Amino acid sequence: MNVELIRDIDEREFIRRLIGILESDDKDVIAGAGKDDCAIIKVGDDSLVVTTDMLHRKTDFPSGMSAWQIGWMSAAVNFSDIAAMGAAPVGLLAAVGYPPDMFYEEAAEISRGMHDCASFCGTSVLGGDVDIHDELTITGTAFGKAKGGQILRRDGAQVGDLVCVTGTLGGAGAALQALLDDRDVDSDFLKGLFEPVPRISEGRILAKSGCATSAMDTSDGLAMSLYDLAEASNVGFQIYESKLPVDKRVEQIASNSTDALELALYSGGDFELLFTVNSKHAKWLRGKSYLTIIGEVVNYEEGVSMVPKYGETITINRKGYLHMKSSENINV
């Protein structure tokens, strides 16, 4: 009998072990547990994508969040996975465990936040379940659909492809750091952390264009996402520091350029899309203002590295947001 404790197992190793138990031989399951940001199920000529995520009061909702923002984030984490597949959202189910001493209006505001995020993403909350729980716990399950082959996967990157991201990097991490340091920042500074925006429209554009060869979201941080994408596609990545679209909030929080780079690479919560594109589509990419080319795909043996502004190429470490850690390590 295996006597290992879950707390002693690396999160991704833990997930890999469980995936080994959950293999499916159903011919309609195109991608099952752990293969992509969502499971993919063939429905006629189209694809249904499904994802689920569980959030807890102590480890996932930083202090200062309103009940509405808790609801918004609970929906956004799921819709971000739908966006990473390039699919159109078709609904959200939510199972919520409410503390017995929570005021009704707070519970209602959580529901309003979920509703507003779903509405923003072009869909609605379809239903779910409620229960009493010692700690506020919210599990969302989101559904999306895609026409035929118009879907983004993690495993298609090829050597020579360009590496790109949407939006900016490190803003959510900077906001969390400001909270941990008890900095005096305004609500606008914290909005990126408290109200992440799923990149639904960008994902749909990429999927319909046929330009993207692989994709996933960056909710666990750029570095961790690069490693996950590298493993799925059996490739490596070379990133250029000078091309990273670092959020302006990072500069306000970081004490020096090294700290700023750490936040851009390793802090989670940005909910941007990381994707690769065949280099022949470079001209198309440069016409999209919300996209930034940050590097290129290299051989797997070369690993995941970065060319700094000054000095020699360095290895990007495999670290980022870890869900199965204590609240003290909410962002490492």
C-alpha atoms as a PDB file:
ATOM      1  CA  MET A   1       0.000   0.000   0.000  1.00  0.00           C
ATOM      2  CA  ASN A   2       1.295   3.455  -1.015  1.00  0.00           C
ATOM      3  CA  VAL A   3       1.580   5.643   2.110  1.00  0.00           C
ATOM      4  CA  GLU A   4       2.543   8.901   0.368  1.00  0.00           C
ATOM      5  CA  LEU A   5       0.746  12.016   1.515  1.00  0.00           C
ATOM      6  CA  ILE A   6      -0.754  14.280  -1.147  1.00  0.00           C
ATOM      7  CA  ARG A   7       1.009  17.295   0.372  1.00  0.00           C
ATOM      8  CA  ASP A   8       4.376  15.662  -0.407  1.00  0.00           C
ATOM      9  CA  ILE A   9       3.631  15.214  -4.127  1.00  0.00           C
ATOM     10  CA  ASP A  10       4.238  17.904  -6.751  1.00  0.00           C
ATOM     11  CA  GLU A  11       0.896  19.138  -8.088  1.00  0.00           C
ATOM     12  CA  ARG A  12       1.551  18.254 -11.702  1.00  0.00           C
ATOM     13  CA  GLU A  13       2.932  14.852 -10.746  1.00  0.00           C
ATOM     14  CA  PHE A  14      -0.208  14.247  -8.683  1.00  0.00           C
ATOM     15  CA  ILE A  15      -2.364  15.163 -11.674  1.00  0.00           C
ATOM     16  CA  ARG A  16      -0.339  12.912 -14.001  1.00  0.00           C
ATOM     17  CA  ARG A  17      -0.900   9.941 -11.702  1.00  0.00           C
ATOM     18  CA  LEU A  18      -4.641  10.495 -11.555  1.00  0.00           C
ATOM     19  CA  ILE A  19      -4.847  10.945 -15.332  1.00  0.00           C
ATOM     20  CA  GLY A  20      -3.330   7.493 -15.698  1.00  0.00           C
ATOM     21  CA  ILE A  21      -6.380   6.096 -13.888  1.00  0.00           C
ATOM     22  CA  LEU A  22      -8.866   8.073 -15.988  1.00  0.00           C
ATOM     23  CA  GLU A  23      -7.894   7.059 -19.538  1.00  0.00           C
ATOM     24  CA  SER A  24     -10.925   6.746 -21.864  1.00  0.00           C
ATOM     25  CA  ASP A  25     -11.336   4.551 -24.945  1.00  0.00           C
ATOM     26  CA  ASP A  26     -14.565   6.269 -26.011  1.00  0.00           C
ATOM     27  CA  LYS A  27     -14.127   7.085 -29.711  1.00  0.00           C
ATOM     28  CA  ASP A  28     -16.076  10.337 -29.278  1.00  0.00           C
ATOM     29  CA  VAL A  29     -13.646  11.636 -26.637  1.00  0.00           C
ATOM     30  CA  ILE A  30     -11.011  13.402 -28.735  1.00  0.00           C
ATOM     31  CA  ALA A  31      -9.043  14.640 -25.724  1.00  0.00           C
ATOM     32  CA  GLY A  32      -9.713  13.350 -22.230  1.00  0.00           C
ATOM     33  CA  ALA A  33      -8.349  14.188 -18.797  1.00  0.00           C
ATOM     34  CA  GLY A  34      -5.185  16.287 -18.762  1.00  0.00           C
ATOM     35  CA  LYS A  35      -4.601  16.533 -22.505  1.00  0.00           C
ATOM     36  CA  ASP A  36      -5.617  20.185 -22.956  1.00  0.00           C
ATOM     37  CA  ASP A  37      -7.163  23.092 -21.083  1.00  0.00           C
ATOM     38  CA  CYS A  38     -10.499  21.368 -21.739  1.00  0.00           C
ATOM     39  CA  ALA A  39     -11.730  17.890 -22.567  1.00  0.00           C
ATOM     40  CA  ILE A  40     -12.892  17.631 -26.195  1.00  0.00           C
ATOM     41  CA  ILE A  41     -15.913  15.568 -27.187  1.00  0.00           C
ATOM     42  CA  LYS A  42     -16.986  14.979 -30.783  1.00  0.00           C
ATOM     43  CA  VAL A  43     -20.639  15.887 -31.359  1.00  0.00           C
ATOM     44  CA  GLY A  44     -21.565  15.292 -34.985  1.00  0.00           C
ATOM     45  CA  ASP A  45     -19.187  17.358 -37.115  1.00  0.00           C
ATOM     46  CA  ASP A  46     -18.471  19.769 -34.274  1.00  0.00           C
ATOM     47  CA  SER A  47     -16.602  19.687 -30.957  1.00  0.00           C
ATOM     48  CA  LEU A  48     -17.888  20.227 -27.419  1.00  0.00           C
ATOM     49  CA  VAL A  49     -15.239  21.380 -24.931  1.00  0.00           C
ATOM     50  CA  VAL A  50     -15.696  21.046 -21.175  1.00  0.00           C
ATOM     51  CA  THR A  51     -13.628  22.270 -18.218  1.00  0.00           C
ATOM     52  CA  THR A  52     -14.016  22.492 -14.450  1.00  0.00           C
ATOM     53  CA  ASP A  53     -12.186  24.401 -11.729  1.00  0.00           C
ATOM     54  CA  MET A  54     -12.521  24.535  -7.930  1.00  0.00           C
ATOM     55  CA  LEU A  55     -11.774  27.667  -5.910  1.00  0.00           C
ATOM     56  CA  HIS A  56     -11.532  28.147  -2.137  1.00  0.00           C
ATOM     57  CA  ARG A  57     -11.921  31.232   0.050  1.00  0.00           C
ATOM     58  CA  LYS A  58      -8.547  30.874   1.816  1.00  0.00           C
ATOM     59  CA  THR A  59      -6.272  30.045  -1.112  1.00  0.00           C
ATOM     60  CA  ASP A  60      -7.874  31.536  -4.219  1.00  0.00           C
ATOM     61  CA  PHE A  61      -9.647  34.758  -3.255  1.00  0.00           C
ATOM     62  CA  PRO A  62      -7.226  37.437  -1.977  1.00  0.00           C
ATOM     63  CA  SER A  63      -8.365  39.680   0.849  1.00  0.00           C
ATOM     64  CA  GLY A  64     -10.190  42.775  -0.321  1.00  0.00           C
ATOM     65  CA  MET A  65     -12.245  41.082  -3.025  1.00  0.00           C
ATOM     66  CA  SER A  66     -15.925  41.889  -3.065  1.00  0.00           C
ATOM     67  CA  ALA A  67     -18.505  39.108  -3.242  1.00  0.00           C
ATOM     68  CA  TRP A  68     -19.298  40.176  -6.818  1.00  0.00           C
ATOM     69  CA  GLN A  69     -15.618  39.879  -7.759  1.00  0.00           C
ATOM     70  CA  ILE A  70     -15.457  36.406  -6.185  1.00  0.00           C
ATOM     71  CA  GLY A  71     -18.353  35.376  -8.428  1.00  0.00           C
ATOM     72  CA  TRP A  72     -16.755  36.963 -11.488  1.00  0.00           C
ATOM     73  CA  MET A  73     -13.418  35.231 -10.899  1.00  0.00           C
ATOM     74  CA  SER A  74     -15.105  31.868 -10.277  1.00  0.00           C
ATOM     75  CA  ALA A  75     -16.643  32.071 -13.738  1.00  0.00           C
ATOM     76  CA  ALA A  76     -13.623  33.666 -15.416  1.00  0.00           C
ATOM     77  CA  VAL A  77     -11.180  30.872 -14.518  1.00  0.00           C
ATOM     78  CA  ASN A  78     -13.392  28.428 -16.399  1.00  0.00           C
ATOM     79  CA  PHE A  79     -14.139  30.639 -19.377  1.00  0.00           C
ATOM     80  CA  SER A  80     -10.407  31.311 -19.749  1.00  0.00           C
ATOM     81  CA  ASP A  81      -9.945  27.594 -20.458  1.00  0.00           C
ATOM     82  CA  ILE A  82     -12.711  27.779 -23.070  1.00  0.00           C
ATOM     83  CA  ALA A  83     -10.912  30.761 -24.626  1.00  0.00           C
ATOM     84  CA  ALA A  84      -7.665  28.780 -24.751  1.00  0.00           C
ATOM     85  CA  MET A  85      -9.424  26.205 -26.936  1.00  0.00           C
ATOM     86  CA  GLY A  86     -10.716  28.897 -29.292  1.00  0.00           C
ATOM     87  CA  ALA A  87     -14.288  27.794 -28.574  1.00  0.00           C
ATOM     88  CA  ALA A  88     -17.516  29.757 -28.141  1.00  0.00           C
ATOM     89  CA  PRO A  89     -18.909  29.484 -24.571  1.00  0.00           C
ATOM     90  CA  VAL A  90     -22.348  27.849 -24.270  1.00  0.00           C
ATOM     91  CA  GLY A  91     -22.881  27.855 -20.515  1.00  0.00           C
ATOM     92  CA  LEU A  92     -21.617  27.491 -16.960  1.00  0.00           C
ATOM     93  CA  LEU A  93     -22.665  25.199 -14.109  1.00  0.00           C
ATOM     94  CA  ALA A  94     -21.701  26.249 -10.588  1.00  0.00           C
ATOM     95  CA  ALA A  95     -21.649  24.153  -7.416  1.00  0.00           C
ATOM     96  CA  VAL A  96     -21.191  26.373  -4.353  1.00  0.00           C
ATOM     97  CA  GLY A  97     -20.552  25.450  -0.728  1.00  0.00           C
ATOM     98  CA  TYR A  98     -21.624  28.435   1.402  1.00  0.00           C
ATOM     99  CA  PRO A  99     -20.512  28.999   5.013  1.00  0.00           C
ATOM    100  CA  PRO A 100     -23.604  28.899   7.236  1.00  0.00           C
ATOM    101  CA  ASP A 101     -22.842  32.325   8.717  1.00  0.00           C
ATOM    102  CA  MET A 102     -22.660  34.093   5.320  1.00  0.00           C
ATOM    103  CA  PHE A 103     -25.238  36.845   4.753  1.00  0.00           C
ATOM    104  CA  TYR A 104     -27.728  36.156   1.980  1.00  0.00           C
ATOM    105  CA  GLU A 105     -26.856  39.350   0.115  1.00  0.00           C
ATOM    106  CA  GLU A 106     -23.222  38.277  -0.090  1.00  0.00           C
ATOM    107  CA  ALA A 107     -24.282  34.952  -1.620  1.00  0.00           C
ATOM    108  CA  ALA A 108     -26.531  36.849  -4.045  1.00  0.00           C
ATOM    109  CA  GLU A 109     -23.641  39.121  -5.068  1.00  0.00           C
ATOM    110  CA  ILE A 110     -21.473  36.069  -5.817  1.00  0.00           C
ATOM    111  CA  SER A 111     -24.221  34.833  -8.148  1.00  0.00           C
ATOM    112  CA  ARG A 112     -24.465  38.261  -9.800  1.00  0.00           C
ATOM    113  CA  GLY A 113     -20.716  38.224 -10.423  1.00  0.00           C
ATOM    114  CA  MET A 114     -20.947  34.808 -12.085  1.00  0.00           C
ATOM    115  CA  HIS A 115     -23.914  35.962 -14.157  1.00  0.00           C
ATOM    116  CA  ASP A 116     -22.152  39.137 -15.312  1.00  0.00           C
ATOM    117  CA  CYS A 117     -18.985  37.274 -16.324  1.00  0.00           C
ATOM    118  CA  ALA A 118     -21.000  34.663 -18.218  1.00  0.00           C
ATOM    119  CA  SER A 119     -22.973  37.428 -19.929  1.00  0.00           C
ATOM    120  CA  PHE A 120     -19.707  39.190 -20.870  1.00  0.00           C
ATOM    121  CA  CYS A 121     -18.573  35.917 -22.461  1.00  0.00           C
ATOM    122  CA  GLY A 122     -21.797  35.665 -24.448  1.00  0.00           C
ATOM    123  CA  THR A 123     -23.511  32.953 -22.426  1.00  0.00           C
ATOM    124  CA  SER A 124     -25.239  32.295 -19.075  1.00  0.00           C
ATOM    125  CA  VAL A 125     -25.151  30.304 -15.844  1.00  0.00           C
ATOM    126  CA  LEU A 126     -27.273  27.217 -16.517  1.00  0.00           C
ATOM    127  CA  GLY A 127     -27.641  26.000 -12.936  1.00  0.00           C
ATOM    128  CA  GLY A 128     -25.641  23.865 -10.515  1.00  0.00           C
ATOM    129  CA  ASP A 129     -25.828  22.924  -6.856  1.00  0.00           C
ATOM    130  CA  VAL A 130     -25.647  24.567  -3.426  1.00  0.00           C
ATOM    131  CA  ASP A 131     -24.570  23.205  -0.071  1.00  0.00           C
ATOM    132  CA  ILE A 132     -23.326  24.304   3.344  1.00  0.00           C
ATOM    133  CA  HIS A 133     -19.555  24.131   3.785  1.00  0.00           C
ATOM    134  CA  ASP A 134     -17.048  25.205   6.433  1.00  0.00           C
ATOM    135  CA  GLU A 135     -15.195  27.314   3.834  1.00  0.00           C
ATOM    136  CA  LEU A 136     -16.618  29.103   0.796  1.00  0.00           C
ATOM    137  CA  THR A 137     -15.898  26.695  -2.063  1.00  0.00           C
ATOM    138  CA  ILE A 138     -16.967  27.253  -5.670  1.00  0.00           C
ATOM    139  CA  THR A 139     -16.664  24.699  -8.458  1.00  0.00           C
ATOM    140  CA  GLY A 140     -17.483  25.857 -11.963  1.00  0.00           C
ATOM    141  CA  THR A 141     -17.964  23.719 -15.065  1.00  0.00           C
ATOM    142  CA  ALA A 142     -17.939  25.561 -18.383  1.00  0.00           C
ATOM    143  CA  PHE A 143     -18.960  24.336 -21.818  1.00  0.00           C
ATOM    144  CA  GLY A 144     -17.949  25.580 -25.236  1.00  0.00           C
ATOM    145  CA  LYS A 145     -18.430  24.567 -28.852  1.00  0.00           C
ATOM    146  CA  ALA A 146     -16.346  24.826 -31.995  1.00  0.00           C
ATOM    147  CA  LYS A 147     -16.982  24.148 -35.649  1.00  0.00           C
ATOM    148  CA  GLY A 148     -15.167  21.171 -37.120  1.00  0.00           C
ATOM    149  CA  GLY A 149     -11.419  21.668 -36.839  1.00  0.00           C
ATOM    150  CA  GLN A 150     -11.634  25.249 -35.564  1.00  0.00           C
ATOM    151  CA  ILE A 151     -10.158  24.403 -32.192  1.00  0.00           C
ATOM    152  CA  LEU A 152      -6.862  25.183 -30.461  1.00  0.00           C
ATOM    153  CA  ARG A 153      -4.764  22.406 -28.903  1.00  0.00           C
ATOM    154  CA  ARG A 154      -1.577  22.295 -26.837  1.00  0.00           C
ATOM    155  CA  ASP A 155       0.295  19.742 -28.914  1.00  0.00           C
ATOM    156  CA  GLY A 156       0.835  21.318 -32.335  1.00  0.00           C
ATOM    157  CA  ALA A 157       3.867  23.605 -31.929  1.00  0.00           C
ATOM    158  CA  GLN A 158       6.689  23.075 -34.422  1.00  0.00           C
ATOM    159  CA  VAL A 159      10.335  24.166 -34.402  1.00  0.00           C
ATOM    160  CA  GLY A 160      10.550  27.583 -36.068  1.00  0.00           C
ATOM    161  CA  ASP A 161       7.078  28.729 -35.000  1.00  0.00           C
ATOM    162  CA  LEU A 162       6.741  32.113 -33.320  1.00  0.00           C
ATOM    163  CA  VAL A 163       5.723  32.316 -29.643  1.00  0.00           C
ATOM    164  CA  CYS A 164       3.091  34.930 -28.802  1.00  0.00           C
ATOM    165  CA  VAL A 165       0.950  36.227 -25.939  1.00  0.00           C
ATOM    166  CA  THR A 166      -2.116  38.391 -25.686  1.00  0.00           C
ATOM    167  CA  GLY A 167      -2.195  41.458 -23.442  1.00  0.00           C
ATOM    168  CA  THR A 168       0.467  42.130 -20.819  1.00  0.00           C
ATOM    169  CA  LEU A 169       2.329  40.064 -18.231  1.00  0.00           C
ATOM    170  CA  GLY A 170       2.666  40.323 -14.464  1.00  0.00           C
ATOM    171  CA  GLY A 171      -0.168  42.727 -13.680  1.00  0.00           C
ATOM    172  CA  ALA A 172      -2.107  40.307 -11.495  1.00  0.00           C
ATOM    173  CA  GLY A 173       1.097  39.226  -9.753  1.00  0.00           C
ATOM    174  CA  ALA A 174       2.006  42.854  -9.059  1.00  0.00           C
ATOM    175  CA  ALA A 175      -1.447  43.463  -7.574  1.00  0.00           C
ATOM    176  CA  LEU A 176      -1.119  40.414  -5.318  1.00  0.00           C
ATOM    177  CA  GLN A 177       2.339  41.523  -4.227  1.00  0.00           C
ATOM    178  CA  ALA A 178       0.948  44.946  -3.388  1.00  0.00           C
ATOM    179  CA  LEU A 179      -1.652  43.285  -1.147  1.00  0.00           C
ATOM    180  CA  LEU A 180       0.918  41.058   0.554  1.00  0.00           C
ATOM    181  CA  ASP A 181       3.151  44.094   1.168  1.00  0.00           C
ATOM    182  CA  ASP A 182       0.181  46.136   2.422  1.00  0.00           C
ATOM    183  CA  ARG A 183       0.825  48.798  -0.220  1.00  0.00           C
ATOM    184  CA  ASP A 184      -1.618  51.664  -0.647  1.00  0.00           C
ATOM    185  CA  VAL A 185      -2.976  51.044  -4.165  1.00  0.00           C
ATOM    186  CA  ASP A 186      -6.318  51.965  -5.703  1.00  0.00           C
ATOM    187  CA  SER A 187      -9.066  49.663  -6.946  1.00  0.00           C
ATOM    188  CA  ASP A 188      -8.017  50.124 -10.576  1.00  0.00           C
ATOM    189  CA  PHE A 189      -4.567  48.714  -9.740  1.00  0.00           C
ATOM    190  CA  LEU A 190      -6.194  45.604  -8.244  1.00  0.00           C
ATOM    191  CA  LYS A 191      -8.766  45.114 -10.996  1.00  0.00           C
ATOM    192  CA  GLY A 192      -6.562  42.821 -13.092  1.00  0.00           C
ATOM    193  CA  LEU A 193      -6.239  40.445 -10.137  1.00  0.00           C
ATOM    194  CA  PHE A 194      -9.817  40.670  -8.885  1.00  0.00           C
ATOM    195  CA  GLU A 195     -11.604  40.806 -12.253  1.00  0.00           C
ATOM    196  CA  PRO A 196      -9.600  38.779 -14.813  1.00  0.00           C
ATOM    197  CA  VAL A 197     -10.978  38.979 -18.353  1.00  0.00           C
ATOM    198  CA  PRO A 198     -11.193  35.704 -20.322  1.00  0.00           C
ATOM    199  CA  ARG A 199      -9.764  36.170 -23.828  1.00  0.00           C
ATOM    200  CA  ILE A 200     -12.802  34.668 -25.552  1.00  0.00           C
ATOM    201  CA  SER A 201     -12.837  36.894 -28.647  1.00  0.00           C
ATOM    202  CA  GLU A 202      -9.070  36.569 -29.155  1.00  0.00           C
ATOM    203  CA  GLY A 203      -9.272  32.792 -28.868  1.00  0.00           C
ATOM    204  CA  ARG A 204     -12.086  32.664 -31.410  1.00  0.00           C
ATOM    205  CA  ILE A 205     -10.142  34.846 -33.854  1.00  0.00           C
ATOM    206  CA  LEU A 206      -7.083  32.604 -33.544  1.00  0.00           C
ATOM    207  CA  ALA A 207      -9.076  29.410 -34.002  1.00  0.00           C
ATOM    208  CA  LYS A 208     -10.936  30.715 -37.048  1.00  0.00           C
ATOM    209  CA  SER A 209      -7.736  32.076 -38.626  1.00  0.00           C
ATOM    210  CA  GLY A 210      -6.059  28.669 -38.694  1.00  0.00           C
ATOM    211  CA  CYS A 211      -2.749  30.409 -37.896  1.00  0.00           C
ATOM    212  CA  ALA A 212      -2.164  29.088 -34.365  1.00  0.00           C
ATOM    213  CA  THR A 213      -0.357  25.757 -34.045  1.00  0.00           C
ATOM    214  CA  SER A 214      -0.772  25.416 -30.246  1.00  0.00           C
ATOM    215  CA  ALA A 215      -2.289  27.395 -27.388  1.00  0.00           C
ATOM    216  CA  MET A 216      -3.175  27.511 -23.679  1.00  0.00           C
ATOM    217  CA  ASP A 217      -3.904  30.176 -21.082  1.00  0.00           C
ATOM    218  CA  THR A 218      -1.330  31.686 -18.692  1.00  0.00           C
ATOM    219  CA  SER A 219      -3.342  31.575 -15.452  1.00  0.00           C
ATOM    220  CA  ASP A 220      -0.494  29.638 -13.773  1.00  0.00           C
ATOM    221  CA  GLY A 221       2.132  32.116 -14.998  1.00  0.00           C
ATOM    222  CA  LEU A 222       4.097  32.452 -18.232  1.00  0.00           C
ATOM    223  CA  ALA A 223       6.975  30.181 -17.184  1.00  0.00           C
ATOM    224  CA  MET A 224       4.801  27.285 -16.042  1.00  0.00           C
ATOM    225  CA  SER A 225       2.638  27.628 -19.155  1.00  0.00           C
ATOM    226  CA  LEU A 226       5.707  27.517 -21.399  1.00  0.00           C
ATOM    227  CA  TYR A 227       6.777  24.258 -19.787  1.00  0.00           C
ATOM    228  CA  ASP A 228       3.294  22.754 -20.087  1.00  0.00           C
ATOM    229  CA  LEU A 229       3.114  23.717 -23.760  1.00  0.00           C
ATOM    230  CA  ALA A 230       6.652  22.445 -24.382  1.00  0.00           C
ATOM    231  CA  GLU A 231       5.808  19.077 -22.838  1.00  0.00           C
ATOM    232  CA  ALA A 232       2.591  18.714 -24.846  1.00  0.00           C
ATOM    233  CA  SER A 233       4.281  19.564 -28.165  1.00  0.00           C
ATOM    234  CA  ASN A 234       7.685  17.990 -27.402  1.00  0.00           C
ATOM    235  CA  VAL A 235       9.497  21.241 -28.204  1.00  0.00           C
ATOM    236  CA  GLY A 236      11.532  23.915 -26.435  1.00  0.00           C
ATOM    237  CA  PHE A 237      11.172  27.704 -26.336  1.00  0.00           C
ATOM    238  CA  GLN A 238      13.531  30.638 -26.570  1.00  0.00           C
ATOM    239  CA  ILE A 239      12.021  33.856 -25.222  1.00  0.00           C
ATOM    240  CA  TYR A 240      13.445  37.385 -25.540  1.00  0.00           C
ATOM    241  CA  GLU A 241      13.312  39.599 -22.476  1.00  0.00           C
ATOM    242  CA  SER A 242      13.239  42.735 -24.622  1.00  0.00           C
ATOM    243  CA  LYS A 243       9.988  41.579 -26.240  1.00  0.00           C
ATOM    244  CA  LEU A 244       8.032  40.721 -23.091  1.00  0.00           C
ATOM    245  CA  PRO A 245       4.971  43.009 -22.745  1.00  0.00           C
ATOM    246  CA  VAL A 246       5.445  43.704 -19.033  1.00  0.00           C
ATOM    247  CA  ASP A 247       2.447  45.367 -17.386  1.00  0.00           C
ATOM    248  CA  LYS A 248       3.107  48.929 -16.191  1.00  0.00           C
ATOM    249  CA  ARG A 249       1.884  47.954 -12.703  1.00  0.00           C
ATOM    250  CA  VAL A 250       4.877  45.646 -12.360  1.00  0.00           C
ATOM    251  CA  GLU A 251       7.256  48.600 -12.571  1.00  0.00           C
ATOM    252  CA  GLN A 252       5.350  50.352  -9.787  1.00  0.00           C
ATOM    253  CA  ILE A 253       5.726  47.396  -7.417  1.00  0.00           C
ATOM    254  CA  ALA A 254       9.101  45.902  -8.298  1.00  0.00           C
ATOM    255  CA  SER A 255      12.114  47.245  -6.434  1.00  0.00           C
ATOM    256  CA  ASN A 256      14.432  46.593  -9.394  1.00  0.00           C
ATOM    257  CA  SER A 257      14.506  45.130 -12.917  1.00  0.00           C
ATOM    258  CA  THR A 258      15.198  41.607 -11.625  1.00  0.00           C
ATOM    259  CA  ASP A 259      12.090  41.651  -9.423  1.00  0.00           C
ATOM    260  CA  ALA A 260      10.056  43.022 -12.329  1.00  0.00           C
ATOM    261  CA  LEU A 261      11.194  40.177 -14.568  1.00  0.00           C
ATOM    262  CA  GLU A 262      10.361  37.630 -11.849  1.00  0.00           C
ATOM    263  CA  LEU A 263       6.794  38.937 -11.673  1.00  0.00           C
ATOM    264  CA  ALA A 264       6.388  38.896 -15.456  1.00  0.00           C
ATOM    265  CA  LEU A 265       7.674  35.328 -15.763  1.00  0.00           C
ATOM    266  CA  TYR A 266       6.456  33.561 -12.662  1.00  0.00           C
ATOM    267  CA  SER A 267       3.365  35.236 -11.199  1.00  0.00           C
ATOM    268  CA  GLY A 268      -0.029  33.787 -12.127  1.00  0.00           C
ATOM    269  CA  GLY A 269      -3.507  35.192 -12.569  1.00  0.00           C
ATOM    270  CA  ASP A 270      -3.107  37.104 -15.846  1.00  0.00           C
ATOM    271  CA  PHE A 271      -5.474  34.847 -17.862  1.00  0.00           C
ATOM    272  CA  GLU A 272      -3.789  35.751 -21.132  1.00  0.00           C
ATOM    273  CA  LEU A 273      -3.331  33.333 -24.036  1.00  0.00           C
ATOM    274  CA  LEU A 274       0.056  31.823 -24.852  1.00  0.00           C
ATOM    275  CA  PHE A 275       0.208  30.410 -28.369  1.00  0.00           C
ATOM    276  CA  THR A 276       2.472  29.533 -31.275  1.00  0.00           C
ATOM    277  CA  VAL A 277       2.071  30.513 -34.912  1.00  0.00           C
ATOM    278  CA  ASN A 278       3.800  29.356 -38.078  1.00  0.00           C
ATOM    279  CA  SER A 279       6.319  32.042 -39.045  1.00  0.00           C
ATOM    280  CA  LYS A 280       4.696  32.504 -42.464  1.00  0.00           C
ATOM    281  CA  HIS A 281       1.851  34.247 -40.645  1.00  0.00           C
ATOM    282  CA  ALA A 282       4.114  36.859 -39.017  1.00  0.00           C
ATOM    283  CA  LYS A 283       2.616  39.668 -41.096  1.00  0.00           C
ATOM    284  CA  TRP A 284      -0.894  38.711 -39.961  1.00  0.00           C
ATOM    285  CA  LEU A 285       0.262  38.675 -36.345  1.00  0.00           C
ATOM    286  CA  ARG A 286       1.770  42.147 -36.472  1.00  0.00           C
ATOM    287  CA  GLY A 287      -1.573  43.523 -37.599  1.00  0.00           C
ATOM    288  CA  LYS A 288      -3.164  42.519 -34.283  1.00  0.00           C
ATOM    289  CA  SER A 289      -2.396  45.107 -31.591  1.00  0.00           C
ATOM    290  CA  TYR A 290      -3.403  42.814 -28.708  1.00  0.00           C
ATOM    291  CA  LEU A 291      -0.789  40.193 -29.663  1.00  0.00           C
ATOM    292  CA  THR A 292       2.955  40.294 -28.992  1.00  0.00           C
ATOM    293  CA  ILE A 293       5.634  38.005 -30.465  1.00  0.00           C
ATOM    294  CA  ILE A 294       7.948  37.098 -27.564  1.00  0.00           C
ATOM    295  CA  GLY A 295      10.125  34.301 -28.949  1.00  0.00           C
ATOM    296  CA  GLU A 296      10.380  31.195 -31.069  1.00  0.00           C
ATOM    297  CA  VAL A 297       9.987  27.440 -30.841  1.00  0.00           C
ATOM    298  CA  VAL A 298      13.245  25.456 -30.678  1.00  0.00           C
ATOM    299  CA  ASN A 299      14.192  21.794 -30.290  1.00  0.00           C
ATOM    300  CA  TYR A 300      13.057  20.026 -27.116  1.00  0.00           C
ATOM    301  CA  GLU A 301      16.674  19.389 -26.091  1.00  0.00           C
ATOM    302  CA  GLU A 302      17.278  23.144 -25.874  1.00  0.00           C
ATOM    303  CA  GLY A 303      14.727  23.487 -23.062  1.00  0.00           C
ATOM    304  CA  VAL A 304      12.927  26.688 -22.094  1.00  0.00           C
ATOM    305  CA  SER A 305      15.278  29.656 -22.046  1.00  0.00           C
ATOM    306  CA  MET A 306      15.402  33.422 -22.305  1.00  0.00           C
ATOM    307  CA  VAL A 307      17.772  35.801 -24.038  1.00  0.00           C
ATOM    308  CA  PRO A 308      18.159  38.686 -21.540  1.00  0.00           C
ATOM    309  CA  LYS A 309      18.622  42.303 -22.524  1.00  0.00           C
ATOM    310  CA  TYR A 310      22.229  41.996 -21.409  1.00  0.00           C
ATOM    311  CA  GLY A 311      24.353  38.889 -20.968  1.00  0.00           C
ATOM    312  CA  GLU A 312      24.102  35.259 -21.978  1.00  0.00           C
ATOM    313  CA  THR A 313      21.027  33.087 -22.461  1.00  0.00           C
ATOM    314  CA  ILE A 314      19.561  31.803 -19.192  1.00  0.00           C
ATOM    315  CA  THR A 315      17.190  28.960 -18.295  1.00  0.00           C
ATOM    316  CA  ILE A 316      13.631  29.875 -17.322  1.00  0.00           C
ATOM    317  CA  ASN A 317      12.753  27.922 -14.187  1.00  0.00           C
ATOM    318  CA  ARG A 318       9.703  25.682 -14.039  1.00  0.00           C
ATOM    319  CA  LYS A 319       7.731  27.438 -11.352  1.00  0.00           C
ATOM    320  CA  GLY A 320       4.579  29.493 -11.006  1.00  0.00           C
ATOM    321  CA  TYR A 321       1.170  29.380  -9.342  1.00  0.00           C
ATOM    322  CA  LEU A 322       0.660  26.126  -7.412  1.00  0.00           C
ATOM    323  CA  HIS A 323      -2.924  25.316  -6.399  1.00  0.00           C
ATOM    324  CA  MET A 324      -2.122  22.515  -3.948  1.00  0.00           C
ATOM    325  CA  LYS A 325      -0.070  24.638  -1.581  1.00  0.00           C
ATOM    326  CA  SER A 326      -0.950  26.504   1.584  1.00  0.00           C
ATOM    327  CA  SER A 327      -2.313  30.050   1.528  1.00  0.00           C
ATOM    328  CA  GLU A 328       1.131  31.373   2.403  1.00  0.00           C
ATOM    329  CA  ASN A 329       2.354  30.105  -0.966  1.00  0.00           C
ATOM    330  CA  ILE A 330      -0.579  31.299  -3.005  1.00  0.00           C
ATOM    331  CA  ASN A 331       1.797  32.721  -5.617  1.00  0.00           C
ATOM    332  CA  VAL A 332       5.358  31.403  -5.709  1.00  0.00           C
END
